[in-house]
Amino acid sequence: MPRKIIKKLLPEHRTLLESRWLRPFRAVLHDPALVVPHRRGVVRGLALGLFWAFMPVPGQSLFAASIAIWLRVNVLVAIAATWVTNPFTALPIVLVAHRLGALLIGPAPIPAAAPDALSSADPSALAGFGEMLERLLALGEAFLVGSLALATLCATLAYVGLNWFWLWSVRRRFAARRRALRVQA
């Protein structure tokens, strides 16, 4: 069942090879493992794409595509999985990643009131700015650790979950086919 759904959503291999937009990548796309919806390739592509979706780097799709080509997993699924992070989901993902990172490494001190270093001319304001910058870096450390942990967790759960669902649906289909053959006999 998952293969049928994915086959409906993804374009055919021949269509990708004939696309003028993908002409520069034609040599890479000749490998059918990169575009054909097989269980191992799709499951690994989803995990890879979700890992890069939760990493705070620009060009997540490019990272996912290049590593998917290198690992010979489904490139289209990997790229599509990176679209989990978008303008609507970015803020909740950042908040969850920061909270998870703070939980893992301990909470960073948050300044009660940030000093306005640009409006005052006295040198003590620069000390306050340095202190605020240090606190922001501590918050960033929690965010980076949380992003890595969230990316690993989501990729692992997606891999295990989709693999289990795929195998379960195949076994169910074969069991139904076996029952139908017994009824006919």
N, C-alpha and C. Protein backbone atom coordinates (compact mmCIF):
# COMPACT_ATOMS: atom_id res chain seq x y z
N MET A 1 0.80 -1.20 0.00
CA MET A 1 0.00 0.00 0.00
C MET A 1 0.85 1.27 0.00
N PRO A 2 1.90 1.40 0.85
CA PRO A 2 2.72 2.61 0.78
C PRO A 2 3.37 2.80 -0.58
N ARG A 3 3.77 1.70 -1.21
CA ARG A 3 4.41 1.82 -2.51
C ARG A 3 3.44 2.38 -3.55
N LYS A 4 2.18 1.94 -3.50
CA LYS A 4 1.18 2.45 -4.44
C LYS A 4 0.94 3.94 -4.24
N ILE A 5 0.88 4.36 -2.99
CA ILE A 5 0.66 5.78 -2.69
C ILE A 5 1.85 6.60 -3.18
N ILE A 6 3.05 6.12 -2.89
CA ILE A 6 4.24 6.86 -3.29
C ILE A 6 4.38 6.88 -4.81
N LYS A 7 4.02 5.78 -5.46
CA LYS A 7 4.09 5.74 -6.93
C LYS A 7 3.14 6.75 -7.55
N LYS A 8 1.97 6.96 -6.93
CA LYS A 8 1.02 7.95 -7.44
C LYS A 8 1.55 9.37 -7.27
N LEU A 9 2.26 9.62 -6.17
CA LEU A 9 2.75 10.96 -5.87
C LEU A 9 4.00 11.34 -6.65
N LEU A 10 4.88 10.37 -6.87
CA LEU A 10 6.14 10.67 -7.55
C LEU A 10 6.01 10.52 -9.06
N PRO A 11 6.72 11.34 -9.80
CA PRO A 11 6.70 11.18 -11.26
C PRO A 11 7.45 9.91 -11.68
N GLU A 12 7.16 9.45 -12.89
CA GLU A 12 7.84 8.26 -13.40
C GLU A 12 9.30 8.58 -13.70
N HIS A 13 10.12 7.54 -13.69
CA HIS A 13 11.55 7.69 -13.92
C HIS A 13 11.81 8.30 -15.30
N ARG A 14 11.08 7.85 -16.30
CA ARG A 14 11.24 8.36 -17.67
C ARG A 14 10.92 9.86 -17.74
N THR A 15 9.89 10.28 -17.02
CA THR A 15 9.51 11.69 -17.01
C THR A 15 10.62 12.55 -16.41
N LEU A 16 11.26 12.06 -15.38
CA LEU A 16 12.37 12.81 -14.77
C LEU A 16 13.54 12.94 -15.73
N LEU A 17 13.82 11.86 -16.45
CA LEU A 17 14.96 11.90 -17.38
C LEU A 17 14.69 12.83 -18.55
N GLU A 18 13.43 13.01 -18.94
CA GLU A 18 13.09 13.87 -20.07
C GLU A 18 12.89 15.33 -19.68
N SER A 19 12.84 15.63 -18.40
CA SER A 19 12.59 16.99 -17.95
C SER A 19 13.76 17.90 -18.32
N ARG A 20 13.46 19.05 -18.87
CA ARG A 20 14.53 19.97 -19.26
C ARG A 20 15.15 20.64 -18.04
N TRP A 21 14.41 20.74 -16.94
CA TRP A 21 14.94 21.35 -15.72
C TRP A 21 15.95 20.44 -15.03
N LEU A 22 15.79 19.15 -15.23
CA LEU A 22 16.70 18.19 -14.60
C LEU A 22 17.79 17.70 -15.54
N ARG A 23 17.93 18.33 -16.68
CA ARG A 23 18.93 17.93 -17.67
C ARG A 23 20.35 17.88 -17.10
N PRO A 24 20.76 18.85 -16.25
CA PRO A 24 22.13 18.77 -15.71
C PRO A 24 22.35 17.56 -14.79
N PHE A 25 21.27 17.00 -14.25
CA PHE A 25 21.39 15.89 -13.32
C PHE A 25 21.05 14.55 -13.96
N ARG A 26 20.94 14.54 -15.27
CA ARG A 26 20.52 13.33 -15.99
C ARG A 26 21.46 12.15 -15.73
N ALA A 27 22.75 12.40 -15.64
CA ALA A 27 23.71 11.31 -15.40
C ALA A 27 23.49 10.67 -14.04
N VAL A 28 23.13 11.47 -13.06
CA VAL A 28 22.89 10.95 -11.72
C VAL A 28 21.54 10.22 -11.66
N LEU A 29 20.55 10.76 -12.34
CA LEU A 29 19.19 10.20 -12.26
C LEU A 29 19.02 8.90 -13.04
N HIS A 30 20.04 8.48 -13.78
CA HIS A 30 19.93 7.20 -14.49
C HIS A 30 19.93 6.02 -13.52
N ASP A 31 20.44 6.24 -12.32
CA ASP A 31 20.42 5.19 -11.31
C ASP A 31 19.00 5.04 -10.78
N PRO A 32 18.33 3.93 -11.06
CA PRO A 32 16.93 3.79 -10.64
C PRO A 32 16.75 3.75 -9.13
N ALA A 33 17.78 3.42 -8.37
CA ALA A 33 17.65 3.37 -6.91
C ALA A 33 17.34 4.75 -6.34
N LEU A 34 17.66 5.81 -7.07
CA LEU A 34 17.46 7.16 -6.58
C LEU A 34 16.03 7.65 -6.74
N VAL A 35 15.24 7.01 -7.59
CA VAL A 35 13.88 7.52 -7.84
C VAL A 35 12.78 6.47 -7.75
N VAL A 36 13.12 5.20 -7.77
CA VAL A 36 12.10 4.15 -7.74
C VAL A 36 11.65 3.94 -6.29
N PRO A 37 10.33 3.84 -6.06
CA PRO A 37 9.84 3.71 -4.68
C PRO A 37 9.94 2.29 -4.12
N HIS A 38 11.12 1.89 -3.70
CA HIS A 38 11.31 0.63 -2.99
C HIS A 38 11.38 0.93 -1.50
N ARG A 39 11.04 -0.05 -0.70
CA ARG A 39 10.95 0.17 0.74
C ARG A 39 12.23 0.74 1.33
N ARG A 40 13.34 0.11 1.08
CA ARG A 40 14.59 0.56 1.70
C ARG A 40 14.98 1.97 1.27
N GLY A 41 14.85 2.26 -0.01
CA GLY A 41 15.20 3.58 -0.49
C GLY A 41 14.29 4.67 0.03
N VAL A 42 13.00 4.38 0.09
CA VAL A 42 12.04 5.38 0.56
C VAL A 42 12.20 5.62 2.06
N VAL A 43 12.32 4.55 2.82
CA VAL A 43 12.45 4.69 4.27
C VAL A 43 13.73 5.44 4.62
N ARG A 44 14.82 5.11 3.98
CA ARG A 44 16.09 5.79 4.24
C ARG A 44 16.06 7.24 3.75
N GLY A 45 15.41 7.47 2.61
CA GLY A 45 15.27 8.83 2.10
C GLY A 45 14.45 9.70 3.04
N LEU A 46 13.37 9.14 3.60
CA LEU A 46 12.55 9.89 4.54
C LEU A 46 13.35 10.23 5.80
N ALA A 47 14.08 9.27 6.32
CA ALA A 47 14.88 9.53 7.52
C ALA A 47 15.95 10.58 7.25
N LEU A 48 16.60 10.48 6.13
CA LEU A 48 17.63 11.44 5.76
C LEU A 48 17.05 12.84 5.59
N GLY A 49 15.93 12.94 4.89
CA GLY A 49 15.29 14.23 4.68
C GLY A 49 14.81 14.86 5.98
N LEU A 50 14.24 14.05 6.87
CA LEU A 50 13.80 14.60 8.15
C LEU A 50 14.98 15.02 9.03
N PHE A 51 16.07 14.28 8.95
CA PHE A 51 17.25 14.70 9.71
C PHE A 51 17.67 16.10 9.28
N TRP A 52 17.80 16.31 7.97
CA TRP A 52 18.23 17.63 7.49
C TRP A 52 17.15 18.68 7.66
N ALA A 53 15.89 18.28 7.73
CA ALA A 53 14.81 19.26 7.94
C ALA A 53 14.93 19.94 9.30
N PHE A 54 15.41 19.22 10.30
CA PHE A 54 15.50 19.78 11.63
C PHE A 54 16.87 20.38 11.96
N MET A 55 17.79 20.32 11.02
CA MET A 55 19.10 20.94 11.23
C MET A 55 19.02 22.41 10.82
N PRO A 56 19.56 23.32 11.64
CA PRO A 56 19.46 24.75 11.33
C PRO A 56 20.53 25.22 10.35
N VAL A 57 20.44 24.76 9.12
CA VAL A 57 21.39 25.15 8.08
C VAL A 57 20.60 25.63 6.86
N PRO A 58 21.14 26.57 6.12
CA PRO A 58 20.47 26.94 4.87
C PRO A 58 20.73 25.88 3.80
N GLY A 59 19.81 25.71 2.90
CA GLY A 59 19.98 24.75 1.82
C GLY A 59 19.81 23.31 2.25
N GLN A 60 18.82 23.07 3.10
CA GLN A 60 18.60 21.72 3.62
C GLN A 60 18.32 20.73 2.50
N SER A 61 17.57 21.15 1.50
CA SER A 61 17.24 20.25 0.39
C SER A 61 18.48 19.85 -0.39
N LEU A 62 19.41 20.78 -0.55
CA LEU A 62 20.66 20.46 -1.26
C LEU A 62 21.50 19.46 -0.49
N PHE A 63 21.57 19.64 0.83
CA PHE A 63 22.30 18.67 1.65
C PHE A 63 21.64 17.30 1.57
N ALA A 64 20.32 17.28 1.71
CA ALA A 64 19.59 16.00 1.68
C ALA A 64 19.76 15.32 0.32
N ALA A 65 19.66 16.09 -0.77
CA ALA A 65 19.79 15.51 -2.11
C ALA A 65 21.19 14.97 -2.36
N SER A 66 22.20 15.73 -1.98
CA SER A 66 23.56 15.27 -2.26
C SER A 66 23.91 14.03 -1.43
N ILE A 67 23.49 13.98 -0.19
CA ILE A 67 23.78 12.80 0.62
C ILE A 67 22.91 11.62 0.17
N ALA A 68 21.68 11.89 -0.28
CA ALA A 68 20.83 10.82 -0.80
C ALA A 68 21.44 10.19 -2.05
N ILE A 69 22.03 11.00 -2.90
CA ILE A 69 22.70 10.48 -4.09
C ILE A 69 23.91 9.65 -3.67
N TRP A 70 24.67 10.15 -2.72
CA TRP A 70 25.85 9.43 -2.25
C TRP A 70 25.48 8.09 -1.61
N LEU A 71 24.39 8.07 -0.81
CA LEU A 71 23.97 6.84 -0.15
C LEU A 71 23.05 5.96 -1.02
N ARG A 72 22.68 6.48 -2.20
CA ARG A 72 21.81 5.76 -3.14
C ARG A 72 20.45 5.44 -2.53
N VAL A 73 19.82 6.46 -1.93
CA VAL A 73 18.46 6.32 -1.43
C VAL A 73 17.56 7.23 -2.27
N ASN A 74 16.26 7.18 -2.04
CA ASN A 74 15.31 7.92 -2.86
C ASN A 74 15.50 9.43 -2.66
N VAL A 75 15.96 10.09 -3.69
CA VAL A 75 16.27 11.52 -3.64
C VAL A 75 15.00 12.35 -3.51
N LEU A 76 13.97 11.98 -4.24
CA LEU A 76 12.74 12.78 -4.23
C LEU A 76 12.07 12.77 -2.86
N VAL A 77 12.07 11.63 -2.20
CA VAL A 77 11.50 11.55 -0.85
C VAL A 77 12.37 12.34 0.13
N ALA A 78 13.66 12.26 -0.02
CA ALA A 78 14.56 13.01 0.87
C ALA A 78 14.34 14.52 0.73
N ILE A 79 14.21 14.99 -0.48
CA ILE A 79 13.98 16.42 -0.70
C ILE A 79 12.61 16.82 -0.17
N ALA A 80 11.60 16.03 -0.44
CA ALA A 80 10.25 16.36 0.03
C ALA A 80 10.17 16.35 1.55
N ALA A 81 10.93 15.49 2.20
CA ALA A 81 10.90 15.42 3.67
C ALA A 81 11.51 16.67 4.30
N THR A 82 12.41 17.34 3.62
CA THR A 82 12.99 18.56 4.19
C THR A 82 11.98 19.70 4.23
N TRP A 83 10.90 19.57 3.49
CA TRP A 83 9.89 20.63 3.47
C TRP A 83 9.02 20.61 4.71
N VAL A 84 9.34 19.75 5.67
CA VAL A 84 8.63 19.79 6.95
C VAL A 84 8.87 21.14 7.61
N THR A 85 10.08 21.64 7.46
CA THR A 85 10.35 22.98 7.97
C THR A 85 10.01 23.99 6.89
N ASN A 86 9.09 24.85 7.23
CA ASN A 86 8.64 25.89 6.33
C ASN A 86 8.30 27.11 7.17
N PRO A 87 7.89 28.22 6.60
CA PRO A 87 7.60 29.40 7.42
C PRO A 87 6.52 29.19 8.49
N PHE A 88 5.64 28.24 8.29
CA PHE A 88 4.58 28.00 9.27
C PHE A 88 5.04 27.12 10.43
N THR A 89 5.99 26.23 10.19
CA THR A 89 6.43 25.30 11.23
C THR A 89 7.78 25.68 11.83
N ALA A 90 8.44 26.70 11.31
CA ALA A 90 9.80 27.03 11.78
C ALA A 90 9.82 27.45 13.24
N LEU A 91 8.91 28.32 13.65
CA LEU A 91 8.92 28.79 15.03
C LEU A 91 8.65 27.67 16.03
N PRO A 92 7.63 26.84 15.84
CA PRO A 92 7.45 25.73 16.80
C PRO A 92 8.65 24.78 16.83
N ILE A 93 9.26 24.53 15.69
CA ILE A 93 10.42 23.63 15.66
C ILE A 93 11.59 24.24 16.41
N VAL A 94 11.82 25.54 16.25
CA VAL A 94 12.90 26.22 16.96
C VAL A 94 12.64 26.17 18.47
N LEU A 95 11.41 26.41 18.88
CA LEU A 95 11.09 26.39 20.30
C LEU A 95 11.28 24.99 20.90
N VAL A 96 10.81 23.97 20.19
CA VAL A 96 10.97 22.60 20.68
C VAL A 96 12.44 22.22 20.73
N ALA A 97 13.20 22.61 19.71
CA ALA A 97 14.63 22.29 19.68
C ALA A 97 15.35 22.98 20.85
N HIS A 98 15.01 24.22 21.11
CA HIS A 98 15.66 24.93 22.21
C HIS A 98 15.29 24.31 23.55
N ARG A 99 14.03 23.99 23.74
CA ARG A 99 13.61 23.37 25.01
C ARG A 99 14.29 22.01 25.20
N LEU A 100 14.37 21.23 24.13
CA LEU A 100 15.02 19.93 24.22
C LEU A 100 16.50 20.09 24.53
N GLY A 101 17.15 21.05 23.89
CA GLY A 101 18.56 21.31 24.18
C GLY A 101 18.78 21.80 25.59
N ALA A 102 17.89 22.65 26.08
CA ALA A 102 17.99 23.13 27.46
C ALA A 102 17.78 21.98 28.44
N LEU A 103 16.92 21.06 28.08
CA LEU A 103 16.69 19.89 28.92
C LEU A 103 17.93 18.99 28.96
N LEU A 104 18.61 18.88 27.82
CA LEU A 104 19.78 18.00 27.73
C LEU A 104 21.03 18.59 28.37
N ILE A 105 21.27 19.89 28.16
CA ILE A 105 22.51 20.49 28.68
C ILE A 105 22.28 21.40 29.87
N GLY A 106 21.06 21.62 30.26
CA GLY A 106 20.75 22.52 31.36
C GLY A 106 20.32 23.87 30.83
N PRO A 107 19.45 24.53 31.56
CA PRO A 107 18.94 25.82 31.07
C PRO A 107 20.01 26.90 31.10
N ALA A 108 19.97 27.75 30.09
CA ALA A 108 20.89 28.88 30.03
C ALA A 108 20.24 30.07 30.73
N PRO A 109 21.02 30.90 31.36
CA PRO A 109 20.42 32.07 32.03
C PRO A 109 19.86 33.04 30.99
N ILE A 110 18.64 33.46 31.20
CA ILE A 110 17.98 34.40 30.28
C ILE A 110 17.99 35.77 30.96
N PRO A 111 18.47 36.81 30.26
CA PRO A 111 18.52 38.13 30.88
C PRO A 111 17.11 38.66 31.14
N ALA A 112 16.92 39.27 32.31
CA ALA A 112 15.61 39.81 32.66
C ALA A 112 15.29 41.00 31.78
N ALA A 113 16.23 41.91 31.65
CA ALA A 113 16.04 43.07 30.79
C ALA A 113 17.35 43.28 30.04
N ALA A 114 17.30 43.22 28.73
CA ALA A 114 18.51 43.38 27.94
C ALA A 114 18.90 44.85 27.89
N PRO A 115 20.15 45.18 28.20
CA PRO A 115 20.57 46.58 28.12
C PRO A 115 20.64 47.04 26.68
N ASP A 116 20.31 48.28 26.47
CA ASP A 116 20.35 48.84 25.13
C ASP A 116 21.73 49.46 24.91
N ALA A 117 22.63 48.69 24.33
CA ALA A 117 24.02 49.12 24.17
C ALA A 117 24.18 50.19 23.12
N LEU A 118 23.27 50.27 22.18
CA LEU A 118 23.44 51.23 21.10
C LEU A 118 22.99 52.63 21.49
N SER A 119 22.04 52.75 22.41
CA SER A 119 21.52 54.08 22.73
C SER A 119 22.36 54.81 23.78
N SER A 120 23.07 54.10 24.63
CA SER A 120 23.86 54.78 25.64
C SER A 120 25.32 54.84 25.20
N ALA A 121 25.99 55.88 25.65
CA ALA A 121 27.37 56.08 25.21
C ALA A 121 28.40 55.68 26.26
N ASP A 122 27.95 55.29 27.45
CA ASP A 122 28.94 54.99 28.50
C ASP A 122 29.54 53.60 28.28
N PRO A 123 30.77 53.36 28.74
CA PRO A 123 31.47 52.09 28.51
C PRO A 123 30.84 50.92 29.25
N SER A 124 30.07 51.17 30.31
CA SER A 124 29.44 50.05 31.02
C SER A 124 28.38 49.38 30.15
N ALA A 125 27.85 50.11 29.18
CA ALA A 125 26.87 49.52 28.27
C ALA A 125 27.51 48.45 27.40
N LEU A 126 28.79 48.66 27.03
CA LEU A 126 29.48 47.64 26.24
C LEU A 126 29.69 46.38 27.05
N ALA A 127 29.93 46.51 28.35
CA ALA A 127 30.05 45.33 29.21
C ALA A 127 28.71 44.61 29.26
N GLY A 128 27.63 45.37 29.33
CA GLY A 128 26.29 44.77 29.33
C GLY A 128 26.01 44.08 28.01
N PHE A 129 26.48 44.68 26.91
CA PHE A 129 26.28 44.07 25.60
C PHE A 129 27.05 42.76 25.49
N GLY A 130 28.28 42.74 26.02
CA GLY A 130 29.08 41.52 26.01
C GLY A 130 28.43 40.42 26.83
N GLU A 131 27.85 40.82 27.97
CA GLU A 131 27.14 39.85 28.81
C GLU A 131 25.91 39.31 28.09
N MET A 132 25.19 40.20 27.40
CA MET A 132 24.01 39.76 26.66
C MET A 132 24.42 38.84 25.51
N LEU A 133 25.51 39.16 24.82
CA LEU A 133 25.99 38.32 23.74
C LEU A 133 26.39 36.94 24.26
N GLU A 134 27.03 36.91 25.44
CA GLU A 134 27.40 35.64 26.04
C GLU A 134 26.17 34.80 26.37
N ARG A 135 25.12 35.44 26.86
CA ARG A 135 23.88 34.72 27.18
C ARG A 135 23.18 34.22 25.91
N LEU A 136 23.22 35.03 24.87
CA LEU A 136 22.62 34.59 23.60
C LEU A 136 23.37 33.40 23.02
N LEU A 137 24.70 33.39 23.16
CA LEU A 137 25.48 32.23 22.69
C LEU A 137 25.14 30.99 23.49
N ALA A 138 24.89 31.17 24.80
CA ALA A 138 24.48 30.03 25.62
C ALA A 138 23.11 29.52 25.16
N LEU A 139 22.21 30.43 24.83
CA LEU A 139 20.91 30.01 24.30
C LEU A 139 21.09 29.30 22.96
N GLY A 140 22.01 29.78 22.13
CA GLY A 140 22.28 29.15 20.84
C GLY A 140 22.86 27.75 20.98
N GLU A 141 23.67 27.55 22.01
CA GLU A 141 24.24 26.22 22.25
C GLU A 141 23.12 25.23 22.57
N ALA A 142 22.17 25.64 23.39
CA ALA A 142 21.03 24.77 23.71
C ALA A 142 20.22 24.49 22.45
N PHE A 143 20.07 25.49 21.59
CA PHE A 143 19.32 25.31 20.35
C PHE A 143 20.02 24.33 19.42
N LEU A 144 21.34 24.46 19.29
CA LEU A 144 22.08 23.56 18.39
C LEU A 144 22.06 22.11 18.89
N VAL A 145 22.24 21.93 20.19
CA VAL A 145 22.19 20.58 20.75
C VAL A 145 20.78 20.02 20.61
N GLY A 146 19.78 20.85 20.86
CA GLY A 146 18.39 20.42 20.71
C GLY A 146 18.03 20.10 19.27
N SER A 147 18.56 20.88 18.33
CA SER A 147 18.30 20.60 16.92
C SER A 147 18.89 19.26 16.50
N LEU A 148 20.10 19.00 16.94
CA LEU A 148 20.74 17.72 16.62
C LEU A 148 19.97 16.55 17.24
N ALA A 149 19.56 16.71 18.49
CA ALA A 149 18.81 15.65 19.16
C ALA A 149 17.44 15.45 18.51
N LEU A 150 16.76 16.56 18.18
CA LEU A 150 15.44 16.47 17.55
C LEU A 150 15.54 15.85 16.15
N ALA A 151 16.57 16.23 15.41
CA ALA A 151 16.76 15.67 14.07
C ALA A 151 17.01 14.17 14.15
N THR A 152 17.86 13.76 15.07
CA THR A 152 18.16 12.33 15.23
C THR A 152 16.93 11.56 15.68
N LEU A 153 16.19 12.11 16.63
CA LEU A 153 15.00 11.45 17.14
C LEU A 153 13.93 11.31 16.06
N CYS A 154 13.65 12.39 15.34
CA CYS A 154 12.62 12.34 14.30
C CYS A 154 13.02 11.42 13.14
N ALA A 155 14.27 11.45 12.75
CA ALA A 155 14.73 10.57 11.68
C ALA A 155 14.63 9.11 12.09
N THR A 156 15.00 8.81 13.32
CA THR A 156 14.92 7.43 13.81
C THR A 156 13.47 6.95 13.89
N LEU A 157 12.60 7.80 14.45
CA LEU A 157 11.18 7.43 14.56
C LEU A 157 10.54 7.26 13.19
N ALA A 158 10.88 8.13 12.25
CA ALA A 158 10.34 8.01 10.90
C ALA A 158 10.83 6.73 10.22
N TYR A 159 12.10 6.41 10.39
CA TYR A 159 12.66 5.20 9.80
C TYR A 159 11.95 3.96 10.35
N VAL A 160 11.89 3.87 11.66
CA VAL A 160 11.27 2.70 12.29
C VAL A 160 9.78 2.64 11.98
N GLY A 161 9.10 3.78 12.08
CA GLY A 161 7.66 3.81 11.86
C GLY A 161 7.25 3.46 10.44
N LEU A 162 7.89 4.08 9.46
CA LEU A 162 7.53 3.80 8.07
C LEU A 162 7.94 2.39 7.67
N ASN A 163 9.08 1.92 8.14
CA ASN A 163 9.51 0.57 7.84
C ASN A 163 8.51 -0.44 8.41
N TRP A 164 8.09 -0.24 9.64
CA TRP A 164 7.12 -1.13 10.27
C TRP A 164 5.79 -1.08 9.51
N PHE A 165 5.31 0.12 9.18
CA PHE A 165 4.04 0.25 8.47
C PHE A 165 4.10 -0.41 7.10
N TRP A 166 5.20 -0.23 6.39
CA TRP A 166 5.36 -0.82 5.07
C TRP A 166 5.31 -2.35 5.15
N LEU A 167 6.10 -2.91 6.07
CA LEU A 167 6.12 -4.36 6.22
C LEU A 167 4.77 -4.90 6.69
N TRP A 168 4.12 -4.19 7.60
CA TRP A 168 2.81 -4.60 8.09
C TRP A 168 1.79 -4.63 6.96
N SER A 169 1.79 -3.61 6.10
CA SER A 169 0.82 -3.57 5.00
C SER A 169 1.09 -4.67 3.97
N VAL A 170 2.36 -4.97 3.72
CA VAL A 170 2.70 -6.05 2.78
C VAL A 170 2.26 -7.39 3.35
N ARG A 171 2.54 -7.62 4.63
CA ARG A 171 2.12 -8.89 5.26
C ARG A 171 0.60 -9.02 5.29
N ARG A 172 -0.09 -7.95 5.55
CA ARG A 172 -1.55 -7.96 5.56
C ARG A 172 -2.11 -8.29 4.18
N ARG A 173 -1.51 -7.70 3.16
CA ARG A 173 -1.95 -7.96 1.79
C ARG A 173 -1.72 -9.41 1.41
N PHE A 174 -0.56 -9.96 1.78
CA PHE A 174 -0.29 -11.37 1.48
C PHE A 174 -1.23 -12.30 2.26
N ALA A 175 -1.52 -11.97 3.50
CA ALA A 175 -2.44 -12.79 4.29
C ALA A 175 -3.84 -12.76 3.68
N ALA A 176 -4.28 -11.60 3.19
CA ALA A 176 -5.59 -11.52 2.54
C ALA A 176 -5.61 -12.33 1.25
N ARG A 177 -4.51 -12.31 0.52
CA ARG A 177 -4.42 -13.09 -0.70
C ARG A 177 -4.46 -14.59 -0.39
N ARG A 178 -3.77 -15.01 0.68
CA ARG A 178 -3.78 -16.41 1.10
C ARG A 178 -5.18 -16.86 1.52
N ARG A 179 -5.89 -16.00 2.26
CA ARG A 179 -7.25 -16.32 2.67
C ARG A 179 -8.17 -16.46 1.47
N ALA A 180 -7.98 -15.60 0.49
CA ALA A 180 -8.82 -15.65 -0.71
C ALA A 180 -8.56 -16.95 -1.48
N LEU A 181 -7.30 -17.38 -1.52
CA LEU A 181 -6.99 -18.64 -2.21
C LEU A 181 -7.58 -19.85 -1.47
N ARG A 182 -7.59 -19.81 -0.13
CA ARG A 182 -8.17 -20.90 0.63
C ARG A 182 -9.68 -20.98 0.43
N VAL A 183 -10.33 -19.83 0.33
CA VAL A 183 -11.77 -19.80 0.13
C VAL A 183 -12.13 -20.36 -1.24
N GLN A 184 -11.32 -20.05 -2.25
CA GLN A 184 -11.59 -20.54 -3.59
C GLN A 184 -11.34 -22.04 -3.70
N ALA A 185 -10.42 -22.59 -2.92
CA ALA A 185 -10.08 -24.01 -3.03
C ALA A 185 -11.05 -24.93 -2.37
